[in-house]
Amino acid sequence: MQNLHIIKVKYIGPTDFDGTKIKLFSERFNHSIKIPFDYKFNSTIDIAIDYLSNNNYNIIGIADSKKSYFIITDTFKPLK
């Protein structure tokens, strides 16, 4: 069975002090980053896929739950 890396993706709404963000979290590396929400995309998951693809992550699939998305990749490196 293939070992894969799962990255949790969550929408973070704007506050009085900061704009809308997307949080990416890798439990494997216990590391998270926040990236700005890019309104040229239609959804949170599309923003995350674009960011990870541009940072050399090979995306294999996606999944979702009620409160977040998950990106499945075979790239094993910490988020930048």
N, C-alpha and C. Protein backbone atom coordinates (compact mmCIF):
# COMPACT_ATOMS: atom_id res chain seq x y z
N MET A 1 0.84 -1.17 0.00
CA MET A 1 0.00 0.00 0.00
C MET A 1 0.89 1.24 0.00
N GLN A 2 0.53 2.25 -0.76
CA GLN A 2 1.33 3.46 -0.89
C GLN A 2 1.12 4.38 0.31
N ASN A 3 2.22 4.95 0.81
CA ASN A 3 2.17 5.92 1.89
C ASN A 3 1.96 7.31 1.27
N LEU A 4 1.01 8.08 1.80
CA LEU A 4 0.70 9.39 1.23
C LEU A 4 0.72 10.46 2.32
N HIS A 5 0.86 11.68 1.90
CA HIS A 5 0.91 12.85 2.78
C HIS A 5 -0.41 13.60 2.63
N ILE A 6 -1.09 13.83 3.75
CA ILE A 6 -2.37 14.54 3.73
C ILE A 6 -2.20 15.93 4.32
N ILE A 7 -2.68 16.91 3.61
CA ILE A 7 -2.61 18.31 4.05
C ILE A 7 -4.03 18.81 4.24
N LYS A 8 -4.31 19.26 5.44
CA LYS A 8 -5.64 19.79 5.78
C LYS A 8 -5.73 21.24 5.31
N VAL A 9 -6.86 21.59 4.71
CA VAL A 9 -7.08 22.94 4.17
C VAL A 9 -8.32 23.52 4.84
N LYS A 10 -8.18 24.72 5.40
CA LYS A 10 -9.30 25.33 6.09
C LYS A 10 -9.41 26.82 5.74
N TYR A 11 -10.63 27.25 5.54
CA TYR A 11 -10.94 28.66 5.27
C TYR A 11 -10.90 29.43 6.59
N ILE A 12 -10.26 30.60 6.58
CA ILE A 12 -10.24 31.47 7.76
C ILE A 12 -10.80 32.82 7.33
N GLY A 13 -11.94 33.17 7.87
CA GLY A 13 -12.61 34.41 7.50
C GLY A 13 -11.85 35.66 7.93
N PRO A 14 -12.22 36.80 7.36
CA PRO A 14 -11.54 38.05 7.68
C PRO A 14 -11.86 38.52 9.10
N THR A 15 -10.96 39.32 9.63
CA THR A 15 -11.16 39.95 10.94
C THR A 15 -11.06 41.46 10.75
N ASP A 16 -11.16 42.18 11.84
CA ASP A 16 -11.00 43.64 11.78
C ASP A 16 -9.56 44.03 11.42
N PHE A 17 -8.63 43.09 11.61
CA PHE A 17 -7.21 43.40 11.43
C PHE A 17 -6.55 42.70 10.26
N ASP A 18 -7.20 41.68 9.72
CA ASP A 18 -6.56 40.88 8.68
C ASP A 18 -7.61 40.37 7.69
N GLY A 19 -7.18 40.16 6.46
CA GLY A 19 -8.08 39.67 5.42
C GLY A 19 -8.30 38.17 5.48
N THR A 20 -9.08 37.69 4.55
CA THR A 20 -9.40 36.27 4.45
C THR A 20 -8.13 35.47 4.12
N LYS A 21 -7.99 34.32 4.75
CA LYS A 21 -6.82 33.48 4.56
C LYS A 21 -7.24 32.02 4.37
N ILE A 22 -6.30 31.23 3.90
CA ILE A 22 -6.45 29.79 3.80
C ILE A 22 -5.34 29.19 4.67
N LYS A 23 -5.69 28.26 5.55
CA LYS A 23 -4.68 27.61 6.40
C LYS A 23 -4.42 26.21 5.86
N LEU A 24 -3.15 25.91 5.66
CA LEU A 24 -2.71 24.57 5.26
C LEU A 24 -1.97 23.97 6.44
N PHE A 25 -2.32 22.72 6.79
CA PHE A 25 -1.71 22.08 7.95
C PHE A 25 -1.25 20.67 7.60
N SER A 26 0.02 20.39 7.86
CA SER A 26 0.58 19.06 7.69
C SER A 26 0.81 18.46 9.06
N GLU A 27 0.01 17.49 9.43
CA GLU A 27 0.19 16.84 10.73
C GLU A 27 1.48 16.02 10.75
N ARG A 28 1.86 15.50 9.61
CA ARG A 28 3.09 14.71 9.53
C ARG A 28 4.30 15.52 9.98
N PHE A 29 4.36 16.78 9.57
CA PHE A 29 5.47 17.65 9.93
C PHE A 29 5.10 18.61 11.07
N ASN A 30 3.86 18.52 11.57
CA ASN A 30 3.37 19.40 12.62
C ASN A 30 3.67 20.86 12.27
N HIS A 31 3.24 21.23 11.07
CA HIS A 31 3.56 22.55 10.54
C HIS A 31 2.35 23.10 9.79
N SER A 32 2.13 24.39 9.95
CA SER A 32 1.05 25.02 9.19
C SER A 32 1.52 26.36 8.64
N ILE A 33 0.83 26.78 7.59
CA ILE A 33 1.05 28.10 7.01
C ILE A 33 -0.31 28.70 6.67
N LYS A 34 -0.33 30.01 6.56
CA LYS A 34 -1.52 30.71 6.09
C LYS A 34 -1.16 31.43 4.81
N ILE A 35 -2.04 31.31 3.83
CA ILE A 35 -1.84 31.99 2.56
C ILE A 35 -3.04 32.90 2.31
N PRO A 36 -2.83 34.01 1.59
CA PRO A 36 -3.95 34.92 1.32
C PRO A 36 -5.00 34.27 0.43
N PHE A 37 -6.23 34.66 0.63
CA PHE A 37 -7.33 34.20 -0.21
C PHE A 37 -7.20 34.90 -1.55
N ASP A 38 -7.21 34.14 -2.63
CA ASP A 38 -7.07 34.69 -3.98
C ASP A 38 -8.43 34.60 -4.66
N TYR A 39 -9.04 35.75 -4.90
CA TYR A 39 -10.41 35.79 -5.42
C TYR A 39 -10.54 35.42 -6.90
N LYS A 40 -9.40 35.16 -7.58
CA LYS A 40 -9.51 34.71 -8.97
C LYS A 40 -9.93 33.25 -9.06
N PHE A 41 -9.88 32.53 -7.93
CA PHE A 41 -10.30 31.13 -7.88
C PHE A 41 -11.73 31.02 -7.35
N ASN A 42 -12.35 29.90 -7.66
CA ASN A 42 -13.74 29.68 -7.26
C ASN A 42 -13.90 29.10 -5.87
N SER A 43 -12.84 28.51 -5.31
CA SER A 43 -13.01 27.85 -4.02
C SER A 43 -11.70 27.79 -3.24
N THR A 44 -11.85 27.50 -1.97
CA THR A 44 -10.73 27.35 -1.06
C THR A 44 -9.78 26.25 -1.54
N ILE A 45 -10.33 25.13 -1.94
CA ILE A 45 -9.49 24.01 -2.36
C ILE A 45 -8.70 24.34 -3.62
N ASP A 46 -9.29 25.11 -4.53
CA ASP A 46 -8.57 25.51 -5.74
C ASP A 46 -7.37 26.39 -5.41
N ILE A 47 -7.52 27.28 -4.43
CA ILE A 47 -6.42 28.15 -4.00
C ILE A 47 -5.29 27.29 -3.42
N ALA A 48 -5.65 26.34 -2.57
CA ALA A 48 -4.65 25.49 -1.94
C ALA A 48 -3.94 24.61 -2.97
N ILE A 49 -4.67 24.05 -3.91
CA ILE A 49 -4.07 23.23 -4.96
C ILE A 49 -3.10 24.06 -5.79
N ASP A 50 -3.49 25.27 -6.15
CA ASP A 50 -2.61 26.15 -6.93
C ASP A 50 -1.33 26.45 -6.15
N TYR A 51 -1.46 26.78 -4.88
CA TYR A 51 -0.29 27.09 -4.06
C TYR A 51 0.65 25.89 -3.99
N LEU A 52 0.10 24.72 -3.66
CA LEU A 52 0.94 23.53 -3.51
C LEU A 52 1.56 23.11 -4.84
N SER A 53 0.80 23.17 -5.91
CA SER A 53 1.34 22.81 -7.23
C SER A 53 2.50 23.73 -7.62
N ASN A 54 2.36 25.01 -7.33
CA ASN A 54 3.42 25.97 -7.63
C ASN A 54 4.64 25.78 -6.73
N ASN A 55 4.50 25.01 -5.66
CA ASN A 55 5.61 24.71 -4.76
C ASN A 55 6.04 23.25 -4.87
N ASN A 56 5.81 22.68 -6.04
CA ASN A 56 6.30 21.35 -6.41
C ASN A 56 5.73 20.19 -5.60
N TYR A 57 4.47 20.29 -5.20
CA TYR A 57 3.77 19.17 -4.59
C TYR A 57 3.00 18.45 -5.68
N ASN A 58 3.10 17.14 -5.72
CA ASN A 58 2.36 16.34 -6.68
C ASN A 58 1.01 15.96 -6.06
N ILE A 59 -0.05 16.56 -6.53
CA ILE A 59 -1.39 16.34 -5.98
C ILE A 59 -1.97 15.07 -6.59
N ILE A 60 -2.40 14.16 -5.73
CA ILE A 60 -2.99 12.90 -6.18
C ILE A 60 -4.50 12.91 -6.06
N GLY A 61 -5.02 13.59 -5.05
CA GLY A 61 -6.46 13.62 -4.86
C GLY A 61 -6.87 14.61 -3.79
N ILE A 62 -8.19 14.72 -3.59
CA ILE A 62 -8.73 15.59 -2.55
C ILE A 62 -9.86 14.85 -1.84
N ALA A 63 -10.16 15.32 -0.65
CA ALA A 63 -11.29 14.80 0.12
C ALA A 63 -11.84 15.97 0.93
N ASP A 64 -13.04 15.79 1.47
CA ASP A 64 -13.60 16.87 2.28
C ASP A 64 -14.35 16.33 3.47
N SER A 65 -14.54 17.22 4.43
CA SER A 65 -15.38 16.95 5.61
C SER A 65 -16.30 18.14 5.75
N LYS A 66 -17.05 18.19 6.82
CA LYS A 66 -17.99 19.30 7.00
C LYS A 66 -17.29 20.65 7.18
N LYS A 67 -16.08 20.65 7.77
CA LYS A 67 -15.43 21.92 8.09
C LYS A 67 -14.12 22.18 7.36
N SER A 68 -13.63 21.21 6.60
CA SER A 68 -12.35 21.43 5.93
C SER A 68 -12.20 20.48 4.74
N TYR A 69 -11.15 20.73 3.99
CA TYR A 69 -10.77 19.88 2.86
C TYR A 69 -9.45 19.20 3.18
N PHE A 70 -9.12 18.19 2.40
CA PHE A 70 -7.85 17.51 2.54
C PHE A 70 -7.26 17.31 1.15
N ILE A 71 -5.98 17.62 1.02
CA ILE A 71 -5.26 17.38 -0.22
C ILE A 71 -4.35 16.19 0.01
N ILE A 72 -4.38 15.26 -0.92
CA ILE A 72 -3.57 14.05 -0.83
C ILE A 72 -2.43 14.18 -1.84
N THR A 73 -1.21 14.01 -1.34
CA THR A 73 -0.03 14.17 -2.17
C THR A 73 0.97 13.06 -1.85
N ASP A 74 1.85 12.77 -2.81
CA ASP A 74 2.94 11.84 -2.53
C ASP A 74 4.26 12.58 -2.31
N THR A 75 4.17 13.90 -2.14
CA THR A 75 5.33 14.73 -1.85
C THR A 75 5.47 14.85 -0.34
N PHE A 76 6.63 14.49 0.17
CA PHE A 76 6.87 14.54 1.60
C PHE A 76 7.91 15.61 1.90
N LYS A 77 7.43 16.82 2.16
CA LYS A 77 8.29 17.91 2.58
C LYS A 77 7.43 18.88 3.39
N PRO A 78 8.06 19.64 4.30
CA PRO A 78 7.29 20.60 5.08
C PRO A 78 6.70 21.70 4.19
N LEU A 79 5.64 22.30 4.66
CA LEU A 79 5.03 23.41 3.94
C LEU A 79 5.98 24.61 4.01
N LYS A 80 5.95 25.44 2.99
CA LYS A 80 6.83 26.64 2.96
C LYS A 80 6.03 27.86 3.22
